[in-house]
Amino acid sequence: MTAKLTQVSGEDVYIERLDGLTTKVGISIFSKDDQEFIRDWARKQAIKDDAIEVRFTTDVEDKSKWRSSGGIMRKTWKESYGIVLKNTSTMDMKNIRIEYLIFKFEDAVAAQKRSEGVIRHLTGTTKLPLIRSGDEATAATEKFPMLETKLEPGYYWKGGGKKTSEDEMNGIWIKVYVGDILATEVSRPENLMRKESWPK
């Protein structure tokens, strides 16, 4: 009989025959090789069907300490993103790779305008070995150095630049792979993927 797979639910396999009739059969009626093929097909379908939900968190190290030198006060710290993935499929997912692109604004010290700062594109990869069906797992990006400055009272820049500067994380864009399959692609803010380009 010639038929095509349409759905797999647990041990039930739904196939569509050439005449258009859909039939439910148990996976046990198939050979071991066919069962392996069916489970692999089901896994790939689950991955492609928006089976991973994503949310982001921000981790900011203590940034309360100022250091003064030559009339300039500086505060340094590190920031990273947390990436929370939820497996909403009925299958466990293994070998998850997350590629990320972070947009960091580095403010220019003593600049005339804030627009004189630079947007840095920071890339990296993090991995998760397993997310079971219905479970969540959290990965983290690298921690990146940040800087804030301000002039002490009575000081000013010779060129008349602004008295303060502060770096900011402007967003993150991720691609989530399960094995070699691109499972989902998400950014925060949502329009980041439309405005920017992924580096080649």
Protein backbone atom coordinates (compact mmCIF):
# COMPACT_ATOMS: atom_id res chain seq x y z
CA MET A 1 0.00 0.00 0.00
CA THR A 2 1.21 3.48 -0.89
CA ALA A 3 0.35 6.23 1.59
CA LYS A 4 1.80 9.37 3.14
CA LEU A 5 2.25 10.29 6.78
CA THR A 6 -0.01 13.08 8.02
CA GLN A 7 0.26 12.92 11.83
CA VAL A 8 1.85 10.97 14.66
CA SER A 9 0.39 11.06 18.17
CA GLY A 10 2.12 8.83 20.70
CA GLU A 11 1.90 5.31 19.29
CA ASP A 12 -0.79 6.25 16.75
CA VAL A 13 0.17 6.93 13.15
CA TYR A 14 -2.18 8.67 10.74
CA ILE A 15 -1.67 7.93 7.05
CA GLU A 16 -3.45 9.17 3.94
CA ARG A 17 -3.98 6.68 1.17
CA LEU A 18 -3.95 7.48 -2.54
CA ASP A 19 -7.77 7.54 -2.55
CA GLY A 20 -7.71 10.34 0.08
CA LEU A 21 -8.90 8.19 2.97
CA THR A 22 -7.07 8.81 6.25
CA THR A 23 -6.43 5.80 8.47
CA LYS A 24 -5.09 5.48 12.00
CA VAL A 25 -2.75 2.55 12.69
CA GLY A 26 -0.43 1.57 15.52
CA ILE A 27 3.24 2.22 14.99
CA SER A 28 4.01 -1.35 16.06
CA ILE A 29 2.76 -2.74 12.73
CA PHE A 30 5.73 -1.18 10.96
CA SER A 31 9.24 -2.57 10.75
CA LYS A 32 11.93 -1.20 13.07
CA ASP A 33 13.43 0.85 10.24
CA ASP A 34 10.02 2.27 9.36
CA GLN A 35 9.30 3.05 13.01
CA GLU A 36 12.57 4.95 13.24
CA PHE A 37 11.69 6.87 10.07
CA ILE A 38 8.20 7.69 11.42
CA ARG A 39 9.52 8.94 14.78
CA ASP A 40 12.16 11.04 13.01
CA TRP A 41 9.48 12.49 10.71
CA ALA A 42 7.27 13.29 13.71
CA ARG A 43 10.15 14.97 15.53
CA LYS A 44 10.94 17.16 12.54
CA GLN A 45 7.27 18.09 12.08
CA ALA A 46 6.95 18.99 15.75
CA ILE A 47 10.03 21.19 15.57
CA LYS A 48 8.71 23.05 12.53
CA ASP A 49 5.23 23.64 14.00
CA ASP A 50 6.19 26.50 16.35
CA ALA A 51 6.94 23.98 19.07
CA ILE A 52 9.31 26.28 20.97
CA GLU A 53 8.14 29.33 22.86
CA VAL A 54 10.76 31.96 23.70
CA ARG A 55 11.02 34.72 26.27
CA PHE A 56 13.95 36.87 27.30
CA THR A 57 15.25 38.10 30.62
CA THR A 58 18.03 40.59 31.39
CA ASP A 59 20.78 39.98 33.92
CA VAL A 60 22.48 43.16 35.17
CA GLU A 61 25.41 42.99 37.56
CA ASP A 62 25.59 45.46 40.45
CA LYS A 63 26.04 48.91 38.91
CA SER A 64 25.86 51.03 42.05
CA LYS A 65 29.58 51.86 42.49
CA TRP A 66 31.03 55.03 40.99
CA ARG A 67 34.79 55.58 40.63
CA SER A 68 36.19 59.08 40.26
CA SER A 69 39.33 60.14 38.40
CA GLY A 70 40.30 63.58 37.08
CA GLY A 71 36.79 65.00 37.42
CA ILE A 72 35.16 62.09 35.58
CA MET A 73 33.03 59.58 37.43
CA ARG A 74 32.80 56.11 35.88
CA LYS A 75 30.55 53.16 36.57
CA THR A 76 31.24 49.77 34.97
CA TRP A 77 29.21 46.56 35.02
CA LYS A 78 28.25 43.62 32.83
CA GLU A 79 24.95 42.69 31.24
CA SER A 80 23.64 39.56 29.56
CA TYR A 81 20.39 38.15 28.24
CA GLY A 82 18.69 35.05 29.56
CA ILE A 83 16.92 32.97 26.91
CA VAL A 84 14.04 30.85 28.22
CA LEU A 85 12.81 28.13 25.86
CA LYS A 86 9.63 26.11 26.42
CA ASN A 87 9.06 22.87 24.53
CA THR A 88 5.32 22.84 23.74
CA SER A 89 5.50 19.71 21.59
CA THR A 90 4.76 16.15 22.68
CA MET A 91 8.35 15.08 22.06
CA ASP A 92 11.63 15.67 23.88
CA MET A 93 14.08 17.91 22.03
CA LYS A 94 17.82 17.25 22.06
CA ASN A 95 20.94 19.05 20.86
CA ILE A 96 19.56 22.59 20.92
CA ARG A 97 21.83 25.32 19.62
CA ILE A 98 21.03 29.01 20.05
CA GLU A 99 22.80 31.53 17.86
CA TYR A 100 22.38 35.11 19.06
CA LEU A 101 22.99 38.62 17.79
CA ILE A 102 22.98 41.41 20.39
CA PHE A 103 22.78 45.10 19.57
CA LYS A 104 24.76 47.12 22.10
CA PHE A 105 24.80 50.91 22.01
CA GLU A 106 28.13 52.32 23.17
CA ASP A 107 27.65 55.96 24.07
CA ALA A 108 30.48 58.32 23.16
CA VAL A 109 32.09 60.11 26.11
CA ALA A 110 32.17 63.91 25.70
CA ALA A 111 30.06 63.71 22.55
CA GLN A 112 27.99 66.64 21.36
CA LYS A 113 25.00 64.38 20.69
CA ARG A 114 23.91 60.94 21.83
CA SER A 115 23.68 59.92 18.18
CA GLU A 116 27.49 60.03 18.02
CA GLY A 117 27.57 56.69 19.83
CA VAL A 118 28.14 53.37 18.05
CA ILE A 119 25.95 50.26 17.71
CA ARG A 120 28.04 47.11 18.24
CA HIS A 121 26.85 43.79 16.82
CA LEU A 122 27.80 41.09 19.32
CA THR A 123 27.42 37.48 18.25
CA GLY A 124 27.67 34.17 20.06
CA THR A 125 26.33 30.67 20.50
CA THR A 126 25.00 28.78 23.49
CA LYS A 127 23.67 25.23 23.78
CA LEU A 128 21.16 23.15 25.70
CA PRO A 129 21.45 19.34 25.69
CA LEU A 130 17.76 18.54 26.25
CA ILE A 131 14.32 20.08 26.79
CA ARG A 132 11.70 17.51 27.70
CA SER A 133 8.16 17.79 26.42
CA GLY A 134 6.31 20.52 28.35
CA ASP A 135 9.46 21.69 30.16
CA GLU A 136 11.40 24.94 30.12
CA ALA A 137 15.14 25.46 30.00
CA THR A 138 17.22 28.61 30.30
CA ALA A 139 20.40 29.53 28.47
CA ALA A 140 22.43 32.71 28.81
CA THR A 141 24.44 34.86 26.47
CA GLU A 142 27.94 36.02 27.25
CA LYS A 143 28.18 38.92 29.73
CA PHE A 144 29.21 42.13 28.01
CA PRO A 145 30.98 45.12 29.66
CA MET A 146 28.99 48.34 30.03
CA LEU A 147 30.04 51.89 30.91
CA GLU A 148 28.34 54.99 32.32
CA THR A 149 30.11 58.31 32.92
CA LYS A 150 29.31 61.73 34.31
CA LEU A 151 31.32 64.81 35.14
CA GLU A 152 31.78 65.84 38.74
CA PRO A 153 30.27 69.19 39.78
CA GLY A 154 32.27 72.13 38.47
CA TYR A 155 33.81 70.18 35.56
CA TYR A 156 32.98 70.50 31.89
CA TRP A 157 34.39 69.25 28.60
CA LYS A 158 36.60 71.70 26.75
CA GLY A 159 34.70 71.05 23.55
CA GLY A 160 31.36 71.50 25.25
CA GLY A 161 30.24 67.87 25.03
CA LYS A 162 27.39 66.44 27.08
CA LYS A 163 28.18 65.72 30.71
CA THR A 164 26.91 62.13 30.82
CA SER A 165 27.14 58.96 28.76
CA GLU A 166 25.63 55.50 29.21
CA ASP A 167 25.85 52.26 27.24
CA GLU A 168 22.63 50.33 26.57
CA MET A 169 21.54 46.93 25.33
CA ASN A 170 19.20 47.74 22.42
CA GLY A 171 17.97 44.26 21.60
CA ILE A 172 18.61 40.62 20.82
CA TRP A 173 17.85 38.37 17.85
CA ILE A 174 18.14 34.59 18.16
CA LYS A 175 17.94 31.55 15.91
CA VAL A 176 17.14 28.26 17.65
CA TYR A 177 18.23 25.02 16.04
CA VAL A 178 17.25 21.51 17.11
CA GLY A 179 19.92 19.36 15.55
CA ASP A 180 20.32 20.88 12.09
CA ILE A 181 16.72 22.15 11.89
CA LEU A 182 15.91 25.83 12.37
CA ALA A 183 13.06 25.59 14.88
CA THR A 184 12.33 29.26 15.50
CA GLU A 185 13.67 32.76 15.06
CA VAL A 186 12.74 35.51 17.54
CA SER A 187 13.86 39.02 18.43
CA ARG A 188 13.27 41.60 21.12
CA PRO A 189 11.98 44.10 20.16
CA GLU A 190 9.89 42.17 17.63
CA ASN A 191 10.63 44.54 14.73
CA LEU A 192 14.39 44.09 15.08
CA MET A 193 14.43 41.26 12.51
CA ARG A 194 12.74 43.52 9.96
CA LYS A 195 15.07 46.47 10.51
CA GLU A 196 18.43 44.68 10.78
CA SER A 197 20.35 42.00 8.90
CA TRP A 198 21.85 38.80 10.27
CA PRO A 199 25.64 38.83 9.74
CA LYS A 200 26.93 36.47 7.06
